[in-house]
């Protein structure tokens, strides 16, 4: 399945929530807070989009349309729903 977002939309691969802290403490599933991080897979053809495939981003909690392929979750969101690029 190849998906090419249109206009000012971005296709993200949803990244799982962290299961350990930086100190190595394991966080139980009931206490994990979803951080809404994703990896950019592809972008629409608008010149206003400033992210590139491979970059990791933080996006708005209620953004986009969810897709699932196998065990992997994807999300198509508007570019304006991207809050930050992780570096």
N, C-alpha and C. Protein backbone atom coordinates (compact mmCIF):
# COMPACT_ATOMS: atom_id res chain seq x y z
N UNK A 1 0.84 -1.17 0.00
CA UNK A 1 0.00 0.00 0.00
C UNK A 1 0.89 1.24 0.00
N UNK A 2 0.82 2.02 -1.06
CA UNK A 2 1.52 3.29 -1.13
C UNK A 2 0.52 4.40 -0.91
N UNK A 3 0.85 5.31 0.00
CA UNK A 3 -0.03 6.42 0.31
C UNK A 3 0.73 7.71 0.07
N UNK A 4 0.18 8.58 -0.75
CA UNK A 4 0.77 9.89 -1.02
C UNK A 4 -0.21 10.95 -0.54
N UNK A 5 0.15 11.68 0.53
CA UNK A 5 -0.74 12.73 1.02
C UNK A 5 -0.90 13.83 -0.03
N UNK A 6 -2.05 14.46 -0.03
CA UNK A 6 -2.33 15.55 -0.96
C UNK A 6 -2.29 16.89 -0.24
N UNK A 7 -1.99 17.94 -0.99
CA UNK A 7 -2.01 19.30 -0.44
C UNK A 7 -1.05 19.48 0.72
N UNK A 8 -1.54 20.07 1.80
CA UNK A 8 -0.71 20.33 2.98
C UNK A 8 -0.91 19.26 4.04
N UNK A 9 -0.83 18.01 3.63
CA UNK A 9 -0.98 16.89 4.57
C UNK A 9 0.33 16.11 4.64
N UNK A 10 0.49 15.42 5.77
CA UNK A 10 1.71 14.67 6.04
C UNK A 10 1.32 13.27 6.51
N UNK A 11 2.02 12.25 6.02
CA UNK A 11 1.82 10.88 6.48
C UNK A 11 2.88 10.57 7.52
N UNK A 12 2.43 10.18 8.73
CA UNK A 12 3.33 9.86 9.84
C UNK A 12 3.21 8.39 10.22
N UNK A 13 4.34 7.81 10.62
CA UNK A 13 4.33 6.51 11.29
C UNK A 13 4.29 6.82 12.77
N UNK A 14 3.26 6.33 13.46
CA UNK A 14 3.10 6.61 14.88
C UNK A 14 4.17 5.86 15.66
N UNK A 15 4.90 6.59 16.51
CA UNK A 15 5.95 5.98 17.34
C UNK A 15 5.37 5.58 18.68
N UNK A 16 5.79 4.43 19.21
CA UNK A 16 5.25 3.97 20.49
C UNK A 16 5.70 4.85 21.65
N UNK A 17 4.91 4.84 22.73
CA UNK A 17 5.26 5.59 23.93
C UNK A 17 6.49 4.96 24.59
N UNK A 18 7.26 5.79 25.25
CA UNK A 18 8.45 5.31 25.94
C UNK A 18 8.06 4.36 27.07
N UNK A 19 8.78 3.24 27.16
CA UNK A 19 8.51 2.27 28.22
C UNK A 19 9.52 2.36 29.36
N UNK A 20 10.60 3.14 29.16
CA UNK A 20 11.62 3.32 30.19
C UNK A 20 11.98 4.79 30.27
N UNK A 21 12.36 5.21 31.48
CA UNK A 21 12.88 6.57 31.64
C UNK A 21 14.34 6.57 31.23
N UNK A 22 14.93 7.76 31.16
CA UNK A 22 16.36 7.84 30.81
C UNK A 22 17.22 7.14 31.85
N UNK A 23 16.74 7.05 33.08
CA UNK A 23 17.50 6.39 34.15
C UNK A 23 17.31 4.87 34.12
N UNK A 24 16.44 4.36 33.23
CA UNK A 24 16.24 2.93 33.10
C UNK A 24 15.06 2.37 33.88
N UNK A 25 14.27 3.24 34.49
CA UNK A 25 13.11 2.78 35.24
C UNK A 25 12.00 2.42 34.26
N UNK A 26 11.42 1.25 34.42
CA UNK A 26 10.34 0.79 33.54
C UNK A 26 9.03 1.43 33.96
N UNK A 27 8.32 2.00 32.99
CA UNK A 27 7.04 2.66 33.25
C UNK A 27 5.93 1.66 32.92
N UNK A 28 5.06 1.34 33.88
CA UNK A 28 3.97 0.41 33.58
C UNK A 28 3.01 1.00 32.55
N UNK A 29 2.36 0.14 31.76
CA UNK A 29 1.47 0.58 30.69
C UNK A 29 0.37 1.49 31.20
N UNK A 30 -0.10 1.27 32.41
CA UNK A 30 -1.19 2.09 32.95
C UNK A 30 -0.73 3.51 33.27
N UNK A 31 0.57 3.72 33.44
CA UNK A 31 1.08 5.05 33.78
C UNK A 31 1.71 5.76 32.58
N UNK A 32 1.81 5.08 31.44
CA UNK A 32 2.42 5.70 30.27
C UNK A 32 1.50 6.76 29.68
N UNK A 33 2.10 7.87 29.34
CA UNK A 33 1.35 8.94 28.70
C UNK A 33 1.79 9.01 27.25
N UNK A 34 0.84 8.91 26.35
CA UNK A 34 1.17 8.94 24.94
C UNK A 34 1.70 10.32 24.59
N UNK A 35 2.86 10.37 23.93
CA UNK A 35 3.52 11.63 23.65
C UNK A 35 3.22 12.18 22.26
N UNK A 36 2.45 11.45 21.47
CA UNK A 36 2.08 11.90 20.13
C UNK A 36 3.28 12.22 19.26
N UNK A 37 4.20 11.27 19.19
CA UNK A 37 5.37 11.41 18.34
C UNK A 37 5.20 10.54 17.11
N UNK A 38 5.72 11.03 15.99
CA UNK A 38 5.65 10.26 14.77
C UNK A 38 6.85 10.54 13.89
N UNK A 39 7.09 9.63 12.95
CA UNK A 39 8.15 9.80 11.97
C UNK A 39 7.50 10.12 10.64
N UNK A 40 7.99 11.16 9.98
CA UNK A 40 7.44 11.59 8.70
C UNK A 40 7.79 10.53 7.64
N UNK A 41 6.77 10.00 6.98
CA UNK A 41 6.96 9.02 5.91
C UNK A 41 6.92 9.70 4.56
N UNK A 42 5.91 10.54 4.33
CA UNK A 42 5.83 11.30 3.09
C UNK A 42 5.02 12.57 3.33
N UNK A 43 5.19 13.53 2.42
CA UNK A 43 4.52 14.82 2.55
C UNK A 43 3.80 15.16 1.26
N UNK A 44 2.79 16.03 1.37
CA UNK A 44 2.07 16.51 0.20
C UNK A 44 2.96 17.40 -0.65
N UNK A 45 2.41 17.92 -1.72
CA UNK A 45 3.21 18.67 -2.68
C UNK A 45 3.21 20.17 -2.45
N UNK A 46 2.69 20.64 -1.34
CA UNK A 46 2.68 22.06 -1.04
C UNK A 46 4.08 22.56 -0.72
N UNK A 47 4.39 23.76 -1.17
CA UNK A 47 5.70 24.35 -0.89
C UNK A 47 5.81 24.86 0.54
N UNK A 48 4.69 24.95 1.26
CA UNK A 48 4.69 25.46 2.63
C UNK A 48 5.15 24.42 3.65
N UNK A 49 5.25 23.17 3.28
CA UNK A 49 5.61 22.12 4.23
C UNK A 49 7.11 22.14 4.48
N UNK A 50 7.49 22.24 5.75
CA UNK A 50 8.89 22.37 6.13
C UNK A 50 9.47 21.12 6.78
N UNK A 51 8.77 20.00 6.70
CA UNK A 51 9.31 18.75 7.25
C UNK A 51 9.65 17.82 6.08
N UNK A 52 10.56 16.87 6.36
CA UNK A 52 11.03 15.95 5.33
C UNK A 52 10.88 14.52 5.83
N UNK A 53 10.75 13.57 4.92
CA UNK A 53 10.71 12.17 5.34
C UNK A 53 11.92 11.81 6.21
N UNK A 54 11.65 11.05 7.27
CA UNK A 54 12.69 10.63 8.19
C UNK A 54 12.76 11.47 9.46
N UNK A 55 12.22 12.68 9.44
CA UNK A 55 12.24 13.52 10.63
C UNK A 55 11.19 13.05 11.63
N UNK A 56 11.50 13.22 12.91
CA UNK A 56 10.56 12.88 13.98
C UNK A 56 9.90 14.16 14.46
N UNK A 57 8.59 14.09 14.66
CA UNK A 57 7.82 15.27 15.02
C UNK A 57 6.87 14.97 16.17
N UNK A 58 6.40 16.04 16.82
CA UNK A 58 5.33 15.96 17.80
C UNK A 58 4.10 16.59 17.15
N UNK A 59 2.96 15.91 17.26
CA UNK A 59 1.75 16.40 16.61
C UNK A 59 0.63 16.55 17.63
N UNK A 60 -0.40 17.30 17.24
CA UNK A 60 -1.56 17.57 18.08
C UNK A 60 -2.27 16.27 18.43
N UNK A 61 -2.75 16.18 19.65
CA UNK A 61 -3.36 14.95 20.19
C UNK A 61 -4.55 14.45 19.37
N UNK A 62 -5.39 15.34 18.90
CA UNK A 62 -6.62 14.93 18.21
C UNK A 62 -6.53 15.12 16.70
N UNK A 63 -5.34 15.06 16.16
CA UNK A 63 -5.14 15.34 14.74
C UNK A 63 -5.31 14.10 13.87
N UNK A 64 -5.77 14.33 12.67
CA UNK A 64 -5.65 13.37 11.59
C UNK A 64 -6.58 12.19 11.53
N UNK A 65 -6.28 11.34 10.55
CA UNK A 65 -7.01 10.12 10.26
C UNK A 65 -6.07 8.95 10.45
N UNK A 66 -6.47 7.97 11.25
CA UNK A 66 -5.62 6.82 11.54
C UNK A 66 -5.76 5.75 10.47
N UNK A 67 -4.63 5.11 10.16
CA UNK A 67 -4.57 3.97 9.25
C UNK A 67 -3.76 2.89 9.94
N UNK A 68 -4.00 1.64 9.60
CA UNK A 68 -3.23 0.56 10.19
C UNK A 68 -2.84 -0.42 9.09
N UNK A 69 -1.55 -0.79 9.07
CA UNK A 69 -1.05 -1.79 8.13
C UNK A 69 -0.26 -2.80 8.96
N UNK A 70 -0.79 -4.00 9.09
CA UNK A 70 -0.17 -4.98 9.97
C UNK A 70 -0.27 -4.50 11.40
N UNK A 71 0.85 -4.49 12.10
CA UNK A 71 0.89 -4.01 13.48
C UNK A 71 1.23 -2.53 13.57
N UNK A 72 1.59 -1.92 12.45
CA UNK A 72 2.03 -0.52 12.46
C UNK A 72 0.88 0.44 12.24
N UNK A 73 0.85 1.51 13.04
CA UNK A 73 -0.16 2.56 12.91
C UNK A 73 0.42 3.75 12.16
N UNK A 74 -0.40 4.32 11.28
CA UNK A 74 -0.03 5.51 10.53
C UNK A 74 -1.10 6.57 10.75
N UNK A 75 -0.74 7.80 10.44
CA UNK A 75 -1.65 8.91 10.64
C UNK A 75 -1.45 9.90 9.50
N UNK A 76 -2.55 10.33 8.87
CA UNK A 76 -2.48 11.41 7.89
C UNK A 76 -3.00 12.66 8.60
N UNK A 77 -2.14 13.68 8.69
CA UNK A 77 -2.51 14.90 9.41
C UNK A 77 -2.26 16.13 8.53
N UNK A 78 -2.89 17.21 8.88
CA UNK A 78 -2.60 18.50 8.24
C UNK A 78 -1.25 18.98 8.75
N UNK A 79 -0.51 19.64 7.90
CA UNK A 79 0.79 20.17 8.29
C UNK A 79 0.67 21.09 9.51
N UNK A 80 -0.42 21.82 9.61
CA UNK A 80 -0.61 22.76 10.72
C UNK A 80 -0.76 22.05 12.07
N UNK A 81 -1.03 20.73 12.06
CA UNK A 81 -1.15 19.97 13.31
C UNK A 81 0.20 19.51 13.86
N UNK A 82 1.28 19.76 13.11
CA UNK A 82 2.62 19.43 13.62
C UNK A 82 3.07 20.56 14.52
N UNK A 83 3.42 20.21 15.76
CA UNK A 83 3.77 21.21 16.76
C UNK A 83 5.28 21.47 16.83
N UNK A 84 6.10 20.44 16.59
CA UNK A 84 7.55 20.60 16.72
C UNK A 84 8.28 19.48 15.99
N UNK A 85 9.52 19.78 15.62
CA UNK A 85 10.42 18.77 15.03
C UNK A 85 11.40 18.38 16.11
N UNK A 86 11.58 17.08 16.32
CA UNK A 86 12.53 16.58 17.32
C UNK A 86 13.91 16.49 16.70
N UNK A 87 14.91 16.98 17.40
CA UNK A 87 16.27 16.95 16.88
C UNK A 87 17.19 16.22 17.81
